């Protein structure tokens, strides 16, 4: 009986010694950086987060991940208001990038009863990626947000309301 216990303890110790370093390794993927990253492909990853009044990321708050290349994208958002219309936007419009209230709709959709949303389609992100900044003003980086659809007029490319506690903002600009 003692041999069985000793064998069990030895096996458990061996597993612990080999497993602990694996769990201690710092992640090195896109989620570790929280911002715009590119892996070994032409796919880019941009994380969007719920932020507080001081523009700090809300811990365990709503968030989303935008994956995109030069012409197409997929966005998945989580922990959002349930059954609510949202718009994925570029905060800017042609020569009026980063000027309130100009904004360009990229896609719109509704969250499900779990507060999740999926948007996908085509958009010319290649214009942003060429230099990493706006093609009209080399000092302004591109901002991508998820906002309430009721707060933007996509026909006039303008924000018509401001409820930042309900939005997701990019961690890093493009």
C-alpha atoms as a PDB file:
ATOM      1  CA  UNK A   1       0.000   0.000   0.000  1.00  0.00           C
ATOM      2  CA  UNK A   2       2.848   2.402   0.815  1.00  0.00           C
ATOM      3  CA  UNK A   3       4.387   1.714  -2.585  1.00  0.00           C
ATOM      4  CA  UNK A   4       1.134   2.784  -4.282  1.00  0.00           C
ATOM      5  CA  UNK A   5       1.002   6.006  -2.291  1.00  0.00           C
ATOM      6  CA  UNK A   6       4.663   6.710  -2.949  1.00  0.00           C
ATOM      7  CA  UNK A   7       4.175   6.051  -6.687  1.00  0.00           C
ATOM      8  CA  UNK A   8       1.116   8.329  -6.732  1.00  0.00           C
ATOM      9  CA  UNK A   9       2.982  11.162  -4.962  1.00  0.00           C
ATOM     10  CA  UNK A  10       5.989  10.766  -7.273  1.00  0.00           C
ATOM     11  CA  UNK A  11       3.754  10.887 -10.353  1.00  0.00           C
ATOM     12  CA  UNK A  12       1.895  13.938  -9.057  1.00  0.00           C
ATOM     13  CA  UNK A  13       5.189  15.696  -8.323  1.00  0.00           C
ATOM     14  CA  UNK A  14       6.527  14.927 -11.791  1.00  0.00           C
ATOM     15  CA  UNK A  15       3.371  16.278 -13.419  1.00  0.00           C
ATOM     16  CA  UNK A  16       3.515  19.432 -11.283  1.00  0.00           C
ATOM     17  CA  UNK A  17       7.157  20.096 -12.097  1.00  0.00           C
ATOM     18  CA  UNK A  18       6.585  19.794 -15.844  1.00  0.00           C
ATOM     19  CA  UNK A  19       3.207  21.572 -15.991  1.00  0.00           C
ATOM     20  CA  UNK A  20       3.997  24.687 -13.939  1.00  0.00           C
ATOM     21  CA  UNK A  21       6.488  26.176 -16.436  1.00  0.00           C
ATOM     22  CA  UNK A  22       3.947  25.738 -19.239  1.00  0.00           C
ATOM     23  CA  UNK A  23       1.335  27.752 -17.346  1.00  0.00           C
ATOM     24  CA  UNK A  24       3.880  30.381 -16.348  1.00  0.00           C
ATOM     25  CA  UNK A  25       4.815  31.272 -19.938  1.00  0.00           C
ATOM     26  CA  UNK A  26       3.670  34.765 -20.888  1.00  0.00           C
ATOM     27  CA  UNK A  27       1.330  34.712 -23.893  1.00  0.00           C
ATOM     28  CA  UNK A  28       2.853  36.217 -26.997  1.00  0.00           C
ATOM     29  CA  UNK A  29      -0.140  36.333 -29.314  1.00  0.00           C
ATOM     30  CA  UNK A  30      -2.332  39.299 -30.278  1.00  0.00           C
ATOM     31  CA  UNK A  31      -4.279  39.220 -27.018  1.00  0.00           C
ATOM     32  CA  UNK A  32      -1.053  39.767 -25.074  1.00  0.00           C
ATOM     33  CA  UNK A  33      -0.530  43.103 -26.808  1.00  0.00           C
ATOM     34  CA  UNK A  34      -4.183  44.215 -26.754  1.00  0.00           C
ATOM     35  CA  UNK A  35      -3.698  46.373 -29.802  1.00  0.00           C
ATOM     36  CA  UNK A  36      -3.007  46.165 -33.478  1.00  0.00           C
ATOM     37  CA  UNK A  37      -0.886  43.148 -34.287  1.00  0.00           C
ATOM     38  CA  UNK A  38       0.023  41.144 -37.313  1.00  0.00           C
ATOM     39  CA  UNK A  39       1.013  37.510 -37.143  1.00  0.00           C
ATOM     40  CA  UNK A  40       2.772  35.595 -39.875  1.00  0.00           C
ATOM     41  CA  UNK A  41       0.082  36.468 -42.413  1.00  0.00           C
ATOM     42  CA  UNK A  42      -1.495  39.534 -43.954  1.00  0.00           C
ATOM     43  CA  UNK A  43      -4.305  39.404 -41.384  1.00  0.00           C
ATOM     44  CA  UNK A  44      -4.307  42.204 -38.793  1.00  0.00           C
ATOM     45  CA  UNK A  45      -5.945  42.091 -35.364  1.00  0.00           C
ATOM     46  CA  UNK A  46      -7.334  45.138 -33.593  1.00  0.00           C
ATOM     47  CA  UNK A  47      -8.875  44.837 -30.127  1.00  0.00           C
ATOM     48  CA  UNK A  48     -11.645  47.194 -29.017  1.00  0.00           C
ATOM     49  CA  UNK A  49     -12.585  47.679 -25.371  1.00  0.00           C
ATOM     50  CA  UNK A  50     -15.124  49.312 -23.117  1.00  0.00           C
ATOM     51  CA  UNK A  51     -13.412  52.274 -21.414  1.00  0.00           C
ATOM     52  CA  UNK A  52     -14.182  54.330 -18.314  1.00  0.00           C
ATOM     53  CA  UNK A  53     -14.330  58.135 -18.019  1.00  0.00           C
ATOM     54  CA  UNK A  54     -10.521  58.311 -17.728  1.00  0.00           C
ATOM     55  CA  UNK A  55     -10.182  56.227 -20.942  1.00  0.00           C
ATOM     56  CA  UNK A  56      -8.880  53.189 -19.067  1.00  0.00           C
ATOM     57  CA  UNK A  57      -9.995  49.744 -20.220  1.00  0.00           C
ATOM     58  CA  UNK A  58     -12.818  48.460 -18.005  1.00  0.00           C
ATOM     59  CA  UNK A  59     -11.662  45.209 -16.444  1.00  0.00           C
ATOM     60  CA  UNK A  60     -13.975  42.363 -17.466  1.00  0.00           C
ATOM     61  CA  UNK A  61     -15.980  44.839 -19.571  1.00  0.00           C
ATOM     62  CA  UNK A  62     -17.316  44.557 -23.094  1.00  0.00           C
ATOM     63  CA  UNK A  63     -14.744  43.952 -25.820  1.00  0.00           C
ATOM     64  CA  UNK A  64     -14.333  42.954 -29.433  1.00  0.00           C
ATOM     65  CA  UNK A  65     -11.776  41.781 -31.954  1.00  0.00           C
ATOM     66  CA  UNK A  66     -11.506  43.066 -35.497  1.00  0.00           C
ATOM     67  CA  UNK A  67      -9.526  40.929 -37.917  1.00  0.00           C
ATOM     68  CA  UNK A  68      -8.883  42.465 -41.301  1.00  0.00           C
ATOM     69  CA  UNK A  69      -6.678  42.634 -44.355  1.00  0.00           C
ATOM     70  CA  UNK A  70      -6.525  45.264 -47.074  1.00  0.00           C
ATOM     71  CA  UNK A  71     -10.074  44.694 -48.311  1.00  0.00           C
ATOM     72  CA  UNK A  72     -12.144  42.587 -45.908  1.00  0.00           C
ATOM     73  CA  UNK A  73     -12.890  42.215 -42.210  1.00  0.00           C
ATOM     74  CA  UNK A  74     -14.556  40.201 -39.456  1.00  0.00           C
ATOM     75  CA  UNK A  75     -15.581  41.683 -36.126  1.00  0.00           C
ATOM     76  CA  UNK A  76     -16.790  39.807 -33.065  1.00  0.00           C
ATOM     77  CA  UNK A  77     -17.979  41.713 -30.002  1.00  0.00           C
ATOM     78  CA  UNK A  78     -18.822  40.333 -26.562  1.00  0.00           C
ATOM     79  CA  UNK A  79     -20.532  41.435 -23.321  1.00  0.00           C
ATOM     80  CA  UNK A  80     -22.493  44.173 -25.101  1.00  0.00           C
ATOM     81  CA  UNK A  81     -26.081  45.257 -24.472  1.00  0.00           C
ATOM     82  CA  UNK A  82     -28.426  42.462 -25.524  1.00  0.00           C
ATOM     83  CA  UNK A  83     -30.606  42.746 -28.650  1.00  0.00           C
ATOM     84  CA  UNK A  84     -29.156  46.151 -29.515  1.00  0.00           C
ATOM     85  CA  UNK A  85     -28.181  47.701 -32.866  1.00  0.00           C
ATOM     86  CA  UNK A  86     -24.511  48.681 -33.203  1.00  0.00           C
ATOM     87  CA  UNK A  87     -22.379  50.208 -35.947  1.00  0.00           C
ATOM     88  CA  UNK A  88     -18.687  49.572 -36.537  1.00  0.00           C
ATOM     89  CA  UNK A  89     -17.251  52.919 -37.603  1.00  0.00           C
ATOM     90  CA  UNK A  90     -14.110  54.695 -38.670  1.00  0.00           C
ATOM     91  CA  UNK A  91     -14.002  57.926 -36.679  1.00  0.00           C
ATOM     92  CA  UNK A  92     -13.411  60.129 -39.684  1.00  0.00           C
ATOM     93  CA  UNK A  93     -14.656  60.870 -43.159  1.00  0.00           C
ATOM     94  CA  UNK A  94     -12.383  61.548 -46.121  1.00  0.00           C
ATOM     95  CA  UNK A  95     -10.599  64.849 -45.415  1.00  0.00           C
ATOM     96  CA  UNK A  96     -12.316  65.246 -42.019  1.00  0.00           C
ATOM     97  CA  UNK A  97     -10.584  62.407 -40.195  1.00  0.00           C
ATOM     98  CA  UNK A  98     -10.594  62.750 -36.418  1.00  0.00           C
ATOM     99  CA  UNK A  99     -12.870  65.797 -36.475  1.00  0.00           C
ATOM    100  CA  UNK A 100     -16.107  65.707 -34.488  1.00  0.00           C
ATOM    101  CA  UNK A 101     -18.762  64.731 -35.538  1.00  0.00           C
ATOM    102  CA  UNK A 102     -17.551  63.041 -38.740  1.00  0.00           C
ATOM    103  CA  UNK A 103     -17.645  59.245 -38.806  1.00  0.00           C
ATOM    104  CA  UNK A 104     -17.961  56.615 -41.498  1.00  0.00           C
ATOM    105  CA  UNK A 105     -20.031  53.473 -41.089  1.00  0.00           C
ATOM    106  CA  UNK A 106     -18.227  50.262 -41.928  1.00  0.00           C
ATOM    107  CA  UNK A 107     -20.980  47.808 -40.945  1.00  0.00           C
ATOM    108  CA  UNK A 108     -24.108  47.537 -38.793  1.00  0.00           C
ATOM    109  CA  UNK A 109     -25.825  44.714 -36.970  1.00  0.00           C
ATOM    110  CA  UNK A 110     -27.566  43.576 -33.807  1.00  0.00           C
ATOM    111  CA  UNK A 111     -26.338  41.756 -30.762  1.00  0.00           C
ATOM    112  CA  UNK A 112     -28.002  38.500 -29.855  1.00  0.00           C
ATOM    113  CA  UNK A 113     -29.679  37.676 -26.554  1.00  0.00           C
ATOM    114  CA  UNK A 114     -26.222  36.889 -25.143  1.00  0.00           C
ATOM    115  CA  UNK A 115     -24.809  40.347 -25.982  1.00  0.00           C
ATOM    116  CA  UNK A 116     -22.571  39.088 -28.805  1.00  0.00           C
ATOM    117  CA  UNK A 117     -22.310  40.519 -32.307  1.00  0.00           C
ATOM    118  CA  UNK A 118     -20.667  39.371 -35.535  1.00  0.00           C
ATOM    119  CA  UNK A 119     -20.063  41.746 -38.445  1.00  0.00           C
ATOM    120  CA  UNK A 120     -18.155  41.005 -41.635  1.00  0.00           C
ATOM    121  CA  UNK A 121     -17.749  42.389 -45.101  1.00  0.00           C
ATOM    122  CA  UNK A 122     -15.500  44.439 -47.329  1.00  0.00           C
ATOM    123  CA  UNK A 123     -13.846  47.749 -46.492  1.00  0.00           C
ATOM    124  CA  UNK A 124     -10.683  49.403 -47.923  1.00  0.00           C
ATOM    125  CA  UNK A 125      -8.483  49.006 -44.831  1.00  0.00           C
ATOM    126  CA  UNK A 126      -5.496  48.957 -47.188  1.00  0.00           C
ATOM    127  CA  UNK A 127      -5.676  52.756 -47.335  1.00  0.00           C
ATOM    128  CA  UNK A 128      -5.062  52.862 -43.571  1.00  0.00           C
ATOM    129  CA  UNK A 129      -2.401  50.173 -43.549  1.00  0.00           C
ATOM    130  CA  UNK A 130      -0.187  51.632 -46.259  1.00  0.00           C
ATOM    131  CA  UNK A 131       1.456  54.131 -43.928  1.00  0.00           C
ATOM    132  CA  UNK A 132      -0.302  53.291 -40.679  1.00  0.00           C
ATOM    133  CA  UNK A 133      -1.903  56.733 -40.740  1.00  0.00           C
ATOM    134  CA  UNK A 134      -4.533  58.657 -42.619  1.00  0.00           C
ATOM    135  CA  UNK A 135      -3.762  59.271 -46.282  1.00  0.00           C
ATOM    136  CA  UNK A 136      -5.007  62.854 -45.912  1.00  0.00           C
ATOM    137  CA  UNK A 137      -3.127  63.890 -42.765  1.00  0.00           C
ATOM    138  CA  UNK A 138       0.060  62.037 -41.899  1.00  0.00           C
ATOM    139  CA  UNK A 139      -0.220  63.090 -38.246  1.00  0.00           C
ATOM    140  CA  UNK A 140      -3.576  61.449 -37.513  1.00  0.00           C
ATOM    141  CA  UNK A 141      -3.961  57.726 -36.930  1.00  0.00           C
ATOM    142  CA  UNK A 142      -7.158  55.912 -37.816  1.00  0.00           C
ATOM    143  CA  UNK A 143      -9.676  55.161 -35.057  1.00  0.00           C
ATOM    144  CA  UNK A 144     -12.126  52.268 -35.244  1.00  0.00           C
ATOM    145  CA  UNK A 145     -15.050  52.188 -32.791  1.00  0.00           C
ATOM    146  CA  UNK A 146     -18.204  50.180 -32.161  1.00  0.00           C
ATOM    147  CA  UNK A 147     -21.047  52.601 -31.337  1.00  0.00           C
ATOM    148  CA  UNK A 148     -24.782  52.410 -30.883  1.00  0.00           C
ATOM    149  CA  UNK A 149     -26.369  52.528 -34.341  1.00  0.00           C
ATOM    150  CA  UNK A 150     -28.827  55.127 -33.050  1.00  0.00           C
ATOM    151  CA  UNK A 151     -25.916  57.486 -32.303  1.00  0.00           C
ATOM    152  CA  UNK A 152     -24.683  57.756 -35.896  1.00  0.00           C
ATOM    153  CA  UNK A 153     -26.302  58.922 -39.112  1.00  0.00           C
ATOM    154  CA  UNK A 154     -24.603  56.731 -41.702  1.00  0.00           C
ATOM    155  CA  UNK A 155     -26.148  58.676 -44.586  1.00  0.00           C
ATOM    156  CA  UNK A 156     -24.535  61.964 -43.527  1.00  0.00           C
ATOM    157  CA  UNK A 157     -21.414  60.341 -42.007  1.00  0.00           C
ATOM    158  CA  UNK A 158     -21.906  62.078 -38.666  1.00  0.00           C
ATOM    159  CA  UNK A 159     -22.275  61.146 -35.035  1.00  0.00           C
ATOM    160  CA  UNK A 160     -25.577  62.532 -33.742  1.00  0.00           C
ATOM    161  CA  UNK A 161     -25.232  61.506 -30.090  1.00  0.00           C
ATOM    162  CA  UNK A 162     -22.421  60.671 -27.675  1.00  0.00           C
ATOM    163  CA  UNK A 163     -22.759  57.827 -25.159  1.00  0.00           C
ATOM    164  CA  UNK A 164     -19.167  56.564 -24.731  1.00  0.00           C
ATOM    165  CA  UNK A 165     -20.056  54.257 -21.838  1.00  0.00           C
ATOM    166  CA  UNK A 166     -21.977  52.188 -24.422  1.00  0.00           C
ATOM    167  CA  UNK A 167     -19.161  52.026 -27.009  1.00  0.00           C
ATOM    168  CA  UNK A 168     -16.011  50.027 -27.688  1.00  0.00           C
ATOM    169  CA  UNK A 169     -12.828  51.924 -28.539  1.00  0.00           C
ATOM    170  CA  UNK A 170      -9.629  50.708 -30.125  1.00  0.00           C
ATOM    171  CA  UNK A 171      -6.768  49.932 -27.772  1.00  0.00           C
ATOM    172  CA  UNK A 172      -4.311  51.217 -30.388  1.00  0.00           C
ATOM    173  CA  UNK A 173      -5.074  53.178 -33.525  1.00  0.00           C
ATOM    174  CA  UNK A 174      -4.343  51.777 -36.968  1.00  0.00           C
END
